[in-house]
């Protein structure tokens, strides 16, 4: 049986990149493929400096947006990571399985630790070990498939390695998962810096389209998008990253292939106008439904409470089995 797990960090407002690269696929495909779990991974937000009130607010907003986008609690399980203790219970066992060297080789650790040091901040130990918590998120549920973008495949590989290593040492306990990727727009780039990912935590937001941006704000950001030298519209991600990013966004919003769409345009202006309108229309129903759900906080709380209960029931047998496998004395 297919079991899917994926999560999103509430470290910032959800972006167009989050939506096109992951969330829409969760809604249209992944939640219908088998048993699917989608998680607001709030514990991962603690690896860097944060404001508690903002984290609380963004966690609720993220869960509400996932429902607004179309995740159906009657079809899938939606919950908040910190509401299910099995994540942290299993994480420590996997820390005892992982090696220091493989943690320090993780690309995101290298990048984020360098950024923290450059800003004169300390590097938290959790920044080094959080890929193990991510592996626990996945392995606790017997996950078979993890839908991820290109920047997260290394973390799924770590989860696979830890599952295999644990199974070899202590006996068959974990399912070994695999990463699955969307075909188009797996990684939407910043409109002002098209060689960088469109991220929730970017300090400069002029190139970041947020799901809750008003239509006029979306249009303004797209029309100001950086293109490339020259005047022809060509799909060339290496040589023409700005235009290629716009074509990928257009393809993700309206269908078609980026290289084929390029042939319909003779100017950057026309391309930008079409991209802007396509993005506005894709985000419109999500924004409208979010406004409705935000007015019903009791409903969102109930969905998360029931989702956590289902998740806990699924994860506990596997985590208990892992505790027994390593020789820990059962409680009670």
C-alpha atoms as a PDB file:
ATOM      1  CA  UNK A   1       0.000   0.000   0.000  1.00  0.00           C
ATOM      2  CA  UNK A   2       1.230   3.494  -0.848  1.00  0.00           C
ATOM      3  CA  UNK A   3       1.701   5.773   2.137  1.00  0.00           C
ATOM      4  CA  UNK A   4       2.778   9.358   1.524  1.00  0.00           C
ATOM      5  CA  UNK A   5       4.222  11.835   3.993  1.00  0.00           C
ATOM      6  CA  UNK A   6       5.173  15.431   3.353  1.00  0.00           C
ATOM      7  CA  UNK A   7       5.560  18.538   5.463  1.00  0.00           C
ATOM      8  CA  UNK A   8       5.931  22.279   5.262  1.00  0.00           C
ATOM      9  CA  UNK A   9       7.734  24.570   7.696  1.00  0.00           C
ATOM     10  CA  UNK A  10       5.853  27.585   9.074  1.00  0.00           C
ATOM     11  CA  UNK A  11       8.958  29.772   8.921  1.00  0.00           C
ATOM     12  CA  UNK A  12       7.298  32.372   6.706  1.00  0.00           C
ATOM     13  CA  UNK A  13       4.226  33.077   4.634  1.00  0.00           C
ATOM     14  CA  UNK A  14       3.481  30.404   2.027  1.00  0.00           C
ATOM     15  CA  UNK A  15       4.877  31.334  -1.385  1.00  0.00           C
ATOM     16  CA  UNK A  16       3.895  30.679  -4.969  1.00  0.00           C
ATOM     17  CA  UNK A  17       6.882  28.331  -5.059  1.00  0.00           C
ATOM     18  CA  UNK A  18       5.525  26.318  -2.135  1.00  0.00           C
ATOM     19  CA  UNK A  19       2.124  26.140  -3.797  1.00  0.00           C
ATOM     20  CA  UNK A  20       3.181  25.240  -7.350  1.00  0.00           C
ATOM     21  CA  UNK A  21       6.140  23.120  -6.328  1.00  0.00           C
ATOM     22  CA  UNK A  22       4.433  21.041  -3.664  1.00  0.00           C
ATOM     23  CA  UNK A  23       1.029  21.927  -2.230  1.00  0.00           C
ATOM     24  CA  UNK A  24      -1.001  21.827  -5.420  1.00  0.00           C
ATOM     25  CA  UNK A  25       0.390  18.407  -6.221  1.00  0.00           C
ATOM     26  CA  UNK A  26      -0.519  17.240  -2.726  1.00  0.00           C
ATOM     27  CA  UNK A  27      -4.084  18.378  -3.378  1.00  0.00           C
ATOM     28  CA  UNK A  28      -4.549  17.158  -6.941  1.00  0.00           C
ATOM     29  CA  UNK A  29      -2.626  13.888  -6.796  1.00  0.00           C
ATOM     30  CA  UNK A  30      -0.876  12.810  -3.624  1.00  0.00           C
ATOM     31  CA  UNK A  31      -3.782  12.840  -1.192  1.00  0.00           C
ATOM     32  CA  UNK A  32      -5.627  10.409  -3.465  1.00  0.00           C
ATOM     33  CA  UNK A  33      -2.822   7.883  -4.010  1.00  0.00           C
ATOM     34  CA  UNK A  34      -3.198   5.931  -0.783  1.00  0.00           C
ATOM     35  CA  UNK A  35      -2.821   6.819   2.871  1.00  0.00           C
ATOM     36  CA  UNK A  36      -1.474  10.366   2.846  1.00  0.00           C
ATOM     37  CA  UNK A  37      -0.206  12.481   5.728  1.00  0.00           C
ATOM     38  CA  UNK A  38       0.576  16.189   5.477  1.00  0.00           C
ATOM     39  CA  UNK A  39       2.229  17.957   8.357  1.00  0.00           C
ATOM     40  CA  UNK A  40       2.999  21.490   9.509  1.00  0.00           C
ATOM     41  CA  UNK A  41       6.516  20.760  10.751  1.00  0.00           C
ATOM     42  CA  UNK A  42       6.693  23.441  13.420  1.00  0.00           C
ATOM     43  CA  UNK A  43       9.538  21.828  15.382  1.00  0.00           C
ATOM     44  CA  UNK A  44      11.847  22.394  12.425  1.00  0.00           C
ATOM     45  CA  UNK A  45      11.254  26.127  12.790  1.00  0.00           C
ATOM     46  CA  UNK A  46      13.109  26.100  16.109  1.00  0.00           C
ATOM     47  CA  UNK A  47      16.490  25.447  14.480  1.00  0.00           C
ATOM     48  CA  UNK A  48      17.015  29.190  13.916  1.00  0.00           C
ATOM     49  CA  UNK A  49      16.097  32.397  15.721  1.00  0.00           C
ATOM     50  CA  UNK A  50      12.333  32.887  15.790  1.00  0.00           C
ATOM     51  CA  UNK A  51       9.589  34.888  17.460  1.00  0.00           C
ATOM     52  CA  UNK A  52       7.211  32.576  19.384  1.00  0.00           C
ATOM     53  CA  UNK A  53       4.112  34.650  18.600  1.00  0.00           C
ATOM     54  CA  UNK A  54       4.968  34.705  14.900  1.00  0.00           C
ATOM     55  CA  UNK A  55       5.586  30.947  14.822  1.00  0.00           C
ATOM     56  CA  UNK A  56       2.209  30.359  16.466  1.00  0.00           C
ATOM     57  CA  UNK A  57       0.486  32.641  13.971  1.00  0.00           C
ATOM     58  CA  UNK A  58       2.235  31.167  10.925  1.00  0.00           C
ATOM     59  CA  UNK A  59       1.577  27.585  12.026  1.00  0.00           C
ATOM     60  CA  UNK A  60      -2.151  28.262  12.084  1.00  0.00           C
ATOM     61  CA  UNK A  61      -1.999  30.201   8.822  1.00  0.00           C
ATOM     62  CA  UNK A  62      -0.099  27.394   7.095  1.00  0.00           C
ATOM     63  CA  UNK A  63      -2.589  24.751   8.231  1.00  0.00           C
ATOM     64  CA  UNK A  64      -5.466  26.966   7.126  1.00  0.00           C
ATOM     65  CA  UNK A  65      -3.875  27.510   3.714  1.00  0.00           C
ATOM     66  CA  UNK A  66      -3.400  23.785   3.208  1.00  0.00           C
ATOM     67  CA  UNK A  67      -7.110  23.301   3.800  1.00  0.00           C
ATOM     68  CA  UNK A  68      -7.898  26.287   1.574  1.00  0.00           C
ATOM     69  CA  UNK A  69      -5.777  24.802  -1.202  1.00  0.00           C
ATOM     70  CA  UNK A  70      -7.905  21.670  -1.120  1.00  0.00           C
ATOM     71  CA  UNK A  71      -6.463  19.102   1.274  1.00  0.00           C
ATOM     72  CA  UNK A  72      -9.514  17.154   2.408  1.00  0.00           C
ATOM     73  CA  UNK A  73      -9.433  15.827   5.999  1.00  0.00           C
ATOM     74  CA  UNK A  74     -11.893  13.139   4.930  1.00  0.00           C
ATOM     75  CA  UNK A  75      -9.305  11.869   2.441  1.00  0.00           C
ATOM     76  CA  UNK A  76      -5.927  12.601   4.053  1.00  0.00           C
ATOM     77  CA  UNK A  77      -4.463  13.290   7.496  1.00  0.00           C
ATOM     78  CA  UNK A  78      -3.452  16.888   8.232  1.00  0.00           C
ATOM     79  CA  UNK A  79      -1.753  17.655  11.536  1.00  0.00           C
ATOM     80  CA  UNK A  80       0.917  19.650  13.345  1.00  0.00           C
ATOM     81  CA  UNK A  81       4.235  17.926  14.058  1.00  0.00           C
ATOM     82  CA  UNK A  82       4.536  18.981  17.708  1.00  0.00           C
ATOM     83  CA  UNK A  83       1.107  17.483  18.439  1.00  0.00           C
ATOM     84  CA  UNK A  84       2.462  13.949  17.866  1.00  0.00           C
ATOM     85  CA  UNK A  85       5.164  12.931  20.359  1.00  0.00           C
ATOM     86  CA  UNK A  86       6.325  10.005  18.241  1.00  0.00           C
ATOM     87  CA  UNK A  87       8.347  12.364  16.053  1.00  0.00           C
ATOM     88  CA  UNK A  88      10.672  13.384  18.867  1.00  0.00           C
ATOM     89  CA  UNK A  89      10.666   9.909  20.441  1.00  0.00           C
ATOM     90  CA  UNK A  90      11.976   8.385  17.231  1.00  0.00           C
ATOM     91  CA  UNK A  91      14.334  11.244  16.439  1.00  0.00           C
ATOM     92  CA  UNK A  92      16.645  10.381  19.343  1.00  0.00           C
ATOM     93  CA  UNK A  93      16.916   6.740  18.274  1.00  0.00           C
ATOM     94  CA  UNK A  94      17.860   7.883  14.792  1.00  0.00           C
ATOM     95  CA  UNK A  95      20.427  10.322  16.200  1.00  0.00           C
ATOM     96  CA  UNK A  96      21.969   7.239  17.783  1.00  0.00           C
ATOM     97  CA  UNK A  97      21.993   5.639  14.334  1.00  0.00           C
ATOM     98  CA  UNK A  98      23.348   8.604  12.342  1.00  0.00           C
ATOM     99  CA  UNK A  99      26.998   9.696  12.161  1.00  0.00           C
ATOM    100  CA  UNK A 100      28.402  13.153  12.801  1.00  0.00           C
ATOM    101  CA  UNK A 101      30.106  13.256   9.418  1.00  0.00           C
ATOM    102  CA  UNK A 102      26.982  12.652   7.371  1.00  0.00           C
ATOM    103  CA  UNK A 103      25.153  15.383   9.287  1.00  0.00           C
ATOM    104  CA  UNK A 104      27.880  17.915   8.544  1.00  0.00           C
ATOM    105  CA  UNK A 105      27.766  17.047   4.843  1.00  0.00           C
ATOM    106  CA  UNK A 106      24.123  18.075   4.515  1.00  0.00           C
ATOM    107  CA  UNK A 107      23.947  20.965   2.071  1.00  0.00           C
ATOM    108  CA  UNK A 108      21.359  22.993   3.977  1.00  0.00           C
ATOM    109  CA  UNK A 109      23.394  22.768   7.180  1.00  0.00           C
ATOM    110  CA  UNK A 110      26.435  24.136   5.394  1.00  0.00           C
ATOM    111  CA  UNK A 111      24.466  26.995   3.847  1.00  0.00           C
ATOM    112  CA  UNK A 112      22.461  27.993   6.919  1.00  0.00           C
ATOM    113  CA  UNK A 113      25.348  27.702   9.361  1.00  0.00           C
ATOM    114  CA  UNK A 114      27.463  29.938   7.131  1.00  0.00           C
ATOM    115  CA  UNK A 115      24.623  32.467   6.965  1.00  0.00           C
ATOM    116  CA  UNK A 116      24.242  32.424  10.750  1.00  0.00           C
ATOM    117  CA  UNK A 117      27.952  32.949  11.334  1.00  0.00           C
ATOM    118  CA  UNK A 118      28.047  35.763   8.763  1.00  0.00           C
ATOM    119  CA  UNK A 119      25.222  37.466  10.681  1.00  0.00           C
ATOM    120  CA  UNK A 120      27.134  37.102  13.942  1.00  0.00           C
ATOM    121  CA  UNK A 121      24.693  34.531  15.313  1.00  0.00           C
ATOM    122  CA  UNK A 122      25.413  31.240  17.004  1.00  0.00           C
ATOM    123  CA  UNK A 123      24.628  27.973  15.236  1.00  0.00           C
ATOM    124  CA  UNK A 124      22.149  25.819  17.125  1.00  0.00           C
ATOM    125  CA  UNK A 125      22.855  22.129  17.536  1.00  0.00           C
ATOM    126  CA  UNK A 126      19.348  21.438  16.217  1.00  0.00           C
ATOM    127  CA  UNK A 127      20.373  22.933  12.866  1.00  0.00           C
ATOM    128  CA  UNK A 128      22.894  20.114  12.565  1.00  0.00           C
ATOM    129  CA  UNK A 129      20.543  17.361  13.720  1.00  0.00           C
ATOM    130  CA  UNK A 130      17.215  18.424  12.236  1.00  0.00           C
ATOM    131  CA  UNK A 131      17.620  16.173   9.160  1.00  0.00           C
ATOM    132  CA  UNK A 132      17.398  13.284  11.633  1.00  0.00           C
ATOM    133  CA  UNK A 133      14.104  14.676  12.928  1.00  0.00           C
ATOM    134  CA  UNK A 134      12.981  14.905   9.313  1.00  0.00           C
ATOM    135  CA  UNK A 135      13.914  11.263   8.856  1.00  0.00           C
ATOM    136  CA  UNK A 136      11.856  10.445  11.962  1.00  0.00           C
ATOM    137  CA  UNK A 137       8.914  12.351  10.469  1.00  0.00           C
ATOM    138  CA  UNK A 138       9.075  10.058   7.464  1.00  0.00           C
ATOM    139  CA  UNK A 139       9.989   6.706   8.993  1.00  0.00           C
ATOM    140  CA  UNK A 140       7.508   6.809  11.884  1.00  0.00           C
ATOM    141  CA  UNK A 141       4.625   6.262   9.471  1.00  0.00           C
ATOM    142  CA  UNK A 142       5.953   3.489   7.287  1.00  0.00           C
ATOM    143  CA  UNK A 143       6.095   6.031   4.472  1.00  0.00           C
ATOM    144  CA  UNK A 144       6.672   4.618   1.008  1.00  0.00           C
ATOM    145  CA  UNK A 145       6.796   7.886  -0.997  1.00  0.00           C
ATOM    146  CA  UNK A 146       7.915  11.410  -0.099  1.00  0.00           C
ATOM    147  CA  UNK A 147       6.979  14.112  -2.646  1.00  0.00           C
ATOM    148  CA  UNK A 148       9.782  16.702  -2.543  1.00  0.00           C
ATOM    149  CA  UNK A 149      11.490  19.382  -4.570  1.00  0.00           C
ATOM    150  CA  UNK A 150      15.091  19.143  -5.728  1.00  0.00           C
ATOM    151  CA  UNK A 151      16.443  20.819  -2.596  1.00  0.00           C
ATOM    152  CA  UNK A 152      15.013  18.157  -0.283  1.00  0.00           C
ATOM    153  CA  UNK A 153      16.087  14.948  -2.021  1.00  0.00           C
ATOM    154  CA  UNK A 154      19.256  14.740   0.100  1.00  0.00           C
ATOM    155  CA  UNK A 155      17.096  14.558   3.226  1.00  0.00           C
ATOM    156  CA  UNK A 156      15.061  11.679   1.826  1.00  0.00           C
ATOM    157  CA  UNK A 157      18.304   9.892   0.963  1.00  0.00           C
ATOM    158  CA  UNK A 158      19.378  10.304   4.589  1.00  0.00           C
ATOM    159  CA  UNK A 159      16.072   8.813   5.759  1.00  0.00           C
ATOM    160  CA  UNK A 160      16.649   5.852   3.445  1.00  0.00           C
ATOM    161  CA  UNK A 161      20.209   5.372   4.721  1.00  0.00           C
ATOM    162  CA  UNK A 162      19.126   5.507   8.360  1.00  0.00           C
ATOM    163  CA  UNK A 163      16.263   3.080   7.758  1.00  0.00           C
ATOM    164  CA  UNK A 164      18.568   0.569   6.088  1.00  0.00           C
ATOM    165  CA  UNK A 165      21.244   0.951   8.790  1.00  0.00           C
ATOM    166  CA  UNK A 166      18.737   0.571  11.638  1.00  0.00           C
ATOM    167  CA  UNK A 167      17.164  -2.476   9.994  1.00  0.00           C
ATOM    168  CA  UNK A 168      20.579  -4.106   9.530  1.00  0.00           C
ATOM    169  CA  UNK A 169      21.598  -3.494  13.153  1.00  0.00           C
ATOM    170  CA  UNK A 170      18.365  -4.247  14.976  1.00  0.00           C
ATOM    171  CA  UNK A 171      16.108  -6.177  12.624  1.00  0.00           C
ATOM    172  CA  UNK A 172      13.473  -5.193  10.106  1.00  0.00           C
ATOM    173  CA  UNK A 173      11.650  -2.193  11.582  1.00  0.00           C
ATOM    174  CA  UNK A 174      11.293   0.571   8.989  1.00  0.00           C
ATOM    175  CA  UNK A 175       9.985   0.814   5.454  1.00  0.00           C
ATOM    176  CA  UNK A 176      12.630   2.335   3.175  1.00  0.00           C
ATOM    177  CA  UNK A 177      10.941   5.297   1.425  1.00  0.00           C
ATOM    178  CA  UNK A 178      11.632   6.869  -1.948  1.00  0.00           C
ATOM    179  CA  UNK A 179      11.471  10.490  -3.121  1.00  0.00           C
ATOM    180  CA  UNK A 180       9.045  11.473  -5.860  1.00  0.00           C
ATOM    181  CA  UNK A 181       9.246  14.753  -7.790  1.00  0.00           C
ATOM    182  CA  UNK A 182       6.781  16.881  -9.761  1.00  0.00           C
ATOM    183  CA  UNK A 183       7.520  17.159 -13.482  1.00  0.00           C
ATOM    184  CA  UNK A 184       7.201  20.953 -13.873  1.00  0.00           C
ATOM    185  CA  UNK A 185       8.023  23.814 -11.477  1.00  0.00           C
ATOM    186  CA  UNK A 186       9.617  21.614  -8.857  1.00  0.00           C
ATOM    187  CA  UNK A 187      11.583  24.691  -7.835  1.00  0.00           C
ATOM    188  CA  UNK A 188      10.169  28.141  -8.553  1.00  0.00           C
ATOM    189  CA  UNK A 189      12.876  30.780  -8.473  1.00  0.00           C
ATOM    190  CA  UNK A 190      12.913  34.293  -7.032  1.00  0.00           C
ATOM    191  CA  UNK A 191      11.614  36.800  -9.570  1.00  0.00           C
ATOM    192  CA  UNK A 192      14.396  39.259  -8.727  1.00  0.00           C
ATOM    193  CA  UNK A 193      17.157  36.664  -8.360  1.00  0.00           C
ATOM    194  CA  UNK A 194      16.215  33.850 -10.744  1.00  0.00           C
ATOM    195  CA  UNK A 195      19.202  31.735  -9.761  1.00  0.00           C
ATOM    196  CA  UNK A 196      17.880  31.521  -6.168  1.00  0.00           C
ATOM    197  CA  UNK A 197      14.880  29.631  -4.851  1.00  0.00           C
ATOM    198  CA  UNK A 198      11.721  31.608  -4.077  1.00  0.00           C
ATOM    199  CA  UNK A 199      11.903  31.184  -0.310  1.00  0.00           C
ATOM    200  CA  UNK A 200       9.573  32.012   2.581  1.00  0.00           C
ATOM    201  CA  UNK A 201      12.388  33.553   4.617  1.00  0.00           C
ATOM    202  CA  UNK A 202      14.041  35.757   1.988  1.00  0.00           C
ATOM    203  CA  UNK A 203      14.896  39.133   3.518  1.00  0.00           C
ATOM    204  CA  UNK A 204      14.013  40.904   0.246  1.00  0.00           C
ATOM    205  CA  UNK A 205      10.470  40.023  -0.783  1.00  0.00           C
ATOM    206  CA  UNK A 206      10.195  41.916  -4.070  1.00  0.00           C
ATOM    207  CA  UNK A 207      10.830  38.731  -6.011  1.00  0.00           C
ATOM    208  CA  UNK A 208       8.682  36.498  -3.792  1.00  0.00           C
ATOM    209  CA  UNK A 209       4.986  36.054  -4.564  1.00  0.00           C
ATOM    210  CA  UNK A 210       3.042  35.012  -1.482  1.00  0.00           C
ATOM    211  CA  UNK A 211      -0.147  32.980  -1.756  1.00  0.00           C
ATOM    212  CA  UNK A 212      -2.042  35.627   0.210  1.00  0.00           C
ATOM    213  CA  UNK A 213      -0.743  38.582  -1.826  1.00  0.00           C
ATOM    214  CA  UNK A 214      -3.507  40.762  -3.267  1.00  0.00           C
ATOM    215  CA  UNK A 215      -3.950  40.544  -7.048  1.00  0.00           C
ATOM    216  CA  UNK A 216      -2.411  43.969  -7.702  1.00  0.00           C
ATOM    217  CA  UNK A 217       0.631  43.052  -5.617  1.00  0.00           C
ATOM    218  CA  UNK A 218       1.084  39.844  -7.617  1.00  0.00           C
ATOM    219  CA  UNK A 219       0.864  41.740 -10.906  1.00  0.00           C
ATOM    220  CA  UNK A 220       3.381  44.336  -9.764  1.00  0.00           C
ATOM    221  CA  UNK A 221       5.911  41.726  -8.632  1.00  0.00           C
ATOM    222  CA  UNK A 222       5.643  39.736 -11.865  1.00  0.00           C
ATOM    223  CA  UNK A 223       5.865  42.796 -14.107  1.00  0.00           C
ATOM    224  CA  UNK A 224       9.056  43.808 -12.284  1.00  0.00           C
ATOM    225  CA  UNK A 225      10.605  40.353 -12.648  1.00  0.00           C
ATOM    226  CA  UNK A 226      14.202  40.244 -13.817  1.00  0.00           C
ATOM    227  CA  UNK A 227      14.573  38.829 -17.312  1.00  0.00           C
ATOM    228  CA  UNK A 228      17.806  38.432 -19.251  1.00  0.00           C
ATOM    229  CA  UNK A 229      19.966  40.221 -21.785  1.00  0.00           C
ATOM    230  CA  UNK A 230      18.572  40.065 -25.286  1.00  0.00           C
ATOM    231  CA  UNK A 231      14.991  40.367 -26.446  1.00  0.00           C
ATOM    232  CA  UNK A 232      13.903  36.922 -27.618  1.00  0.00           C
ATOM    233  CA  UNK A 233      11.814  34.633 -25.428  1.00  0.00           C
ATOM    234  CA  UNK A 234      13.635  31.322 -25.123  1.00  0.00           C
ATOM    235  CA  UNK A 235      13.524  28.484 -22.628  1.00  0.00           C
ATOM    236  CA  UNK A 236      17.106  27.999 -21.482  1.00  0.00           C
ATOM    237  CA  UNK A 237      17.365  27.501 -17.684  1.00  0.00           C
ATOM    238  CA  UNK A 238      21.150  27.777 -17.699  1.00  0.00           C
ATOM    239  CA  UNK A 239      21.651  30.655 -20.100  1.00  0.00           C
ATOM    240  CA  UNK A 240      18.354  32.528 -19.646  1.00  0.00           C
ATOM    241  CA  UNK A 241      17.252  31.826 -16.039  1.00  0.00           C
ATOM    242  CA  UNK A 242      14.909  34.836 -15.684  1.00  0.00           C
ATOM    243  CA  UNK A 243      12.789  34.151 -18.743  1.00  0.00           C
ATOM    244  CA  UNK A 244      12.926  30.405 -18.155  1.00  0.00           C
ATOM    245  CA  UNK A 245      11.581  30.857 -14.623  1.00  0.00           C
ATOM    246  CA  UNK A 246       8.634  32.867 -15.956  1.00  0.00           C
ATOM    247  CA  UNK A 247       7.938  30.185 -18.562  1.00  0.00           C
ATOM    248  CA  UNK A 248       8.023  27.455 -15.910  1.00  0.00           C
ATOM    249  CA  UNK A 249       5.592  29.406 -13.726  1.00  0.00           C
ATOM    250  CA  UNK A 250       3.270  29.908 -16.709  1.00  0.00           C
ATOM    251  CA  UNK A 251       3.454  26.219 -17.569  1.00  0.00           C
ATOM    252  CA  UNK A 252       2.698  25.237 -13.966  1.00  0.00           C
ATOM    253  CA  UNK A 253      -0.267  27.603 -13.810  1.00  0.00           C
ATOM    254  CA  UNK A 254      -1.831  26.853 -17.165  1.00  0.00           C
ATOM    255  CA  UNK A 255      -0.391  23.661 -18.510  1.00  0.00           C
ATOM    256  CA  UNK A 256       1.906  23.002 -21.422  1.00  0.00           C
ATOM    257  CA  UNK A 257       5.657  22.759 -21.680  1.00  0.00           C
ATOM    258  CA  UNK A 258       7.911  25.777 -21.050  1.00  0.00           C
ATOM    259  CA  UNK A 259       9.864  25.379 -24.282  1.00  0.00           C
ATOM    260  CA  UNK A 260       6.656  25.179 -26.321  1.00  0.00           C
ATOM    261  CA  UNK A 261       5.131  28.194 -24.579  1.00  0.00           C
ATOM    262  CA  UNK A 262       8.214  30.256 -25.419  1.00  0.00           C
ATOM    263  CA  UNK A 263       7.327  30.138 -29.116  1.00  0.00           C
ATOM    264  CA  UNK A 264       4.090  32.067 -28.524  1.00  0.00           C
ATOM    265  CA  UNK A 265       5.898  35.230 -27.342  1.00  0.00           C
ATOM    266  CA  UNK A 266       7.913  37.878 -29.112  1.00  0.00           C
ATOM    267  CA  UNK A 267       8.399  40.196 -26.128  1.00  0.00           C
ATOM    268  CA  UNK A 268       9.093  40.000 -22.422  1.00  0.00           C
ATOM    269  CA  UNK A 269       6.216  42.357 -21.668  1.00  0.00           C
ATOM    270  CA  UNK A 270       3.580  40.077 -23.181  1.00  0.00           C
ATOM    271  CA  UNK A 271       5.023  37.085 -21.352  1.00  0.00           C
ATOM    272  CA  UNK A 272       5.002  38.913 -18.023  1.00  0.00           C
ATOM    273  CA  UNK A 273       1.399  40.045 -18.465  1.00  0.00           C
ATOM    274  CA  UNK A 274       0.235  36.503 -19.155  1.00  0.00           C
ATOM    275  CA  UNK A 275       2.249  35.104 -16.259  1.00  0.00           C
ATOM    276  CA  UNK A 276       0.822  37.738 -13.906  1.00  0.00           C
ATOM    277  CA  UNK A 277      -2.780  36.969 -14.845  1.00  0.00           C
ATOM    278  CA  UNK A 278      -2.188  33.216 -14.702  1.00  0.00           C
ATOM    279  CA  UNK A 279      -0.749  33.493 -11.186  1.00  0.00           C
ATOM    280  CA  UNK A 280      -3.581  35.763 -10.014  1.00  0.00           C
ATOM    281  CA  UNK A 281      -6.194  33.278 -11.242  1.00  0.00           C
ATOM    282  CA  UNK A 282      -4.419  30.246  -9.758  1.00  0.00           C
ATOM    283  CA  UNK A 283      -4.174  31.880  -6.331  1.00  0.00           C
ATOM    284  CA  UNK A 284      -7.597  33.544  -6.283  1.00  0.00           C
ATOM    285  CA  UNK A 285      -9.668  30.542  -5.053  1.00  0.00           C
ATOM    286  CA  UNK A 286      -7.065  29.716  -2.397  1.00  0.00           C
ATOM    287  CA  UNK A 287      -7.114  33.267  -1.034  1.00  0.00           C
ATOM    288  CA  UNK A 288     -10.912  33.351  -1.004  1.00  0.00           C
ATOM    289  CA  UNK A 289     -11.235  29.996   0.753  1.00  0.00           C
ATOM    290  CA  UNK A 290      -8.546  31.008   3.262  1.00  0.00           C
ATOM    291  CA  UNK A 291     -10.604  34.045   4.224  1.00  0.00           C
ATOM    292  CA  UNK A 292     -13.615  31.792   4.851  1.00  0.00           C
ATOM    293  CA  UNK A 293     -11.644  29.309   6.955  1.00  0.00           C
ATOM    294  CA  UNK A 294      -9.875  32.029   8.938  1.00  0.00           C
ATOM    295  CA  UNK A 295     -13.308  33.064  10.144  1.00  0.00           C
ATOM    296  CA  UNK A 296     -13.874  29.498  11.438  1.00  0.00           C
ATOM    297  CA  UNK A 297     -10.898  28.810  13.753  1.00  0.00           C
ATOM    298  CA  UNK A 298     -12.862  26.142  15.604  1.00  0.00           C
ATOM    299  CA  UNK A 299     -13.105  24.079  12.417  1.00  0.00           C
ATOM    300  CA  UNK A 300      -9.373  24.316  11.756  1.00  0.00           C
ATOM    301  CA  UNK A 301      -8.600  23.333  15.367  1.00  0.00           C
ATOM    302  CA  UNK A 302     -10.874  20.307  15.093  1.00  0.00           C
ATOM    303  CA  UNK A 303      -9.244  19.157  11.852  1.00  0.00           C
ATOM    304  CA  UNK A 304      -5.781  19.417  13.416  1.00  0.00           C
ATOM    305  CA  UNK A 305      -6.853  17.675  16.626  1.00  0.00           C
ATOM    306  CA  UNK A 306      -8.434  14.768  14.759  1.00  0.00           C
ATOM    307  CA  UNK A 307      -5.500  14.606  12.348  1.00  0.00           C
ATOM    308  CA  UNK A 308      -3.020  14.366  15.213  1.00  0.00           C
ATOM    309  CA  UNK A 309      -5.005  11.538  16.779  1.00  0.00           C
ATOM    310  CA  UNK A 310      -4.963   9.560  13.520  1.00  0.00           C
ATOM    311  CA  UNK A 311      -1.261  10.271  12.983  1.00  0.00           C
ATOM    312  CA  UNK A 312      -0.430   9.198  16.523  1.00  0.00           C
ATOM    313  CA  UNK A 313      -2.278   5.915  16.056  1.00  0.00           C
ATOM    314  CA  UNK A 314      -0.351   5.226  12.850  1.00  0.00           C
ATOM    315  CA  UNK A 315       3.083   6.154  14.193  1.00  0.00           C
ATOM    316  CA  UNK A 316       3.018   4.624  17.667  1.00  0.00           C
ATOM    317  CA  UNK A 317       3.294   0.923  16.665  1.00  0.00           C
ATOM    318  CA  UNK A 318       6.380   1.592  14.529  1.00  0.00           C
ATOM    319  CA  UNK A 319       8.068   3.787  17.128  1.00  0.00           C
ATOM    320  CA  UNK A 320       7.285   1.318  19.927  1.00  0.00           C
ATOM    321  CA  UNK A 321       8.762  -1.448  17.774  1.00  0.00           C
ATOM    322  CA  UNK A 322      11.922   0.631  17.273  1.00  0.00           C
ATOM    323  CA  UNK A 323      12.255   1.121  21.038  1.00  0.00           C
ATOM    324  CA  UNK A 324      11.936  -2.628  21.591  1.00  0.00           C
ATOM    325  CA  UNK A 325      14.419  -3.345  18.799  1.00  0.00           C
ATOM    326  CA  UNK A 326      17.212  -1.308  20.389  1.00  0.00           C
ATOM    327  CA  UNK A 327      16.668  -2.959  23.777  1.00  0.00           C
ATOM    328  CA  UNK A 328      14.801  -0.288  25.741  1.00  0.00           C
ATOM    329  CA  UNK A 329      12.676  -1.604  28.603  1.00  0.00           C
ATOM    330  CA  UNK A 330       8.951  -1.282  27.799  1.00  0.00           C
ATOM    331  CA  UNK A 331       6.947   1.073  30.027  1.00  0.00           C
ATOM    332  CA  UNK A 332       4.065  -0.310  32.055  1.00  0.00           C
END
